[in-house]
Amino acid sequence: MGIIKGCFSFIAGTVTGVYVAQNYKVPDIAKLADTFLFVAKVTEQTYRKPDNNKKDENDD
């Protein structure tokens, strides 16, 4: 009885997830994550402070 009680929420969540994925238009999470990472990278590059510790190429 303990195994059934412990796995009930996992099984119920899996069944609910399968039902929702089959019957509703669910967005692709991997695609959303890639888009978010791209936007974060562009934002970081745009607002990054200039690096003052960079050596000039002529100072070798």
Protein backbone atom coordinates (compact mmCIF):
# COMPACT_ATOMS: atom_id res chain seq x y z
CA MET A 1 0.00 0.00 0.00
CA GLY A 2 2.92 2.35 0.65
CA ILE A 3 4.22 2.15 -2.92
CA ILE A 4 0.82 2.96 -4.41
CA LYS A 5 0.37 5.89 -2.05
CA GLY A 6 3.85 7.23 -2.80
CA CYS A 7 3.53 6.93 -6.58
CA PHE A 8 -0.03 8.21 -6.87
CA SER A 9 0.91 11.85 -7.42
CA PHE A 10 3.55 10.86 -10.00
CA ILE A 11 1.12 8.65 -11.92
CA ALA A 12 -1.68 11.24 -11.73
CA GLY A 13 0.68 13.96 -13.00
CA THR A 14 1.90 11.79 -15.85
CA VAL A 15 -1.63 10.91 -16.95
CA THR A 16 -2.72 14.55 -16.72
CA GLY A 17 0.34 15.68 -18.70
CA VAL A 18 -0.30 13.16 -21.46
CA TYR A 19 -3.97 14.20 -21.69
CA VAL A 20 -3.12 17.92 -21.86
CA ALA A 21 -0.36 17.37 -24.44
CA GLN A 22 -2.68 15.40 -26.71
CA ASN A 23 -5.75 17.62 -26.47
CA TYR A 24 -4.41 21.17 -26.18
CA LYS A 25 -1.84 23.24 -28.03
CA VAL A 26 1.09 23.16 -25.60
CA PRO A 27 4.16 25.29 -26.50
CA ASP A 28 7.49 23.59 -27.11
CA ILE A 29 9.53 24.19 -23.95
CA ALA A 30 12.91 23.62 -25.64
CA LYS A 31 12.11 26.26 -28.25
CA LEU A 32 11.03 28.73 -25.56
CA ALA A 33 14.22 28.08 -23.58
CA ASP A 34 16.41 28.64 -26.67
CA THR A 35 14.61 31.91 -27.40
CA PHE A 36 15.05 33.08 -23.81
CA LEU A 37 18.77 32.25 -23.84
CA PHE A 38 19.25 34.11 -27.13
CA VAL A 39 17.47 37.21 -25.80
CA ALA A 40 19.51 37.06 -22.57
CA LYS A 41 22.77 36.80 -24.52
CA VAL A 42 21.88 39.75 -26.77
CA THR A 43 20.85 41.83 -23.74
CA GLU A 44 24.09 41.00 -21.94
CA GLN A 45 26.20 41.97 -24.95
CA THR A 46 24.26 45.22 -25.38
CA TYR A 47 24.54 46.44 -21.79
CA ARG A 48 27.94 45.02 -20.81
CA LYS A 49 30.48 47.52 -19.49
CA PRO A 50 33.59 47.90 -21.65
CA ASP A 51 36.57 45.90 -20.43
CA ASN A 52 39.24 48.35 -19.25
CA ASN A 53 41.79 45.64 -18.39
CA LYS A 54 42.17 44.55 -22.00
CA LYS A 55 45.74 44.96 -23.30
CA ASP A 56 46.24 46.83 -26.54
CA GLU A 57 47.69 44.79 -29.39
CA ASN A 58 50.55 47.31 -29.77
CA ASP A 59 51.76 46.82 -26.16
CA ASP A 60 53.27 43.35 -26.77
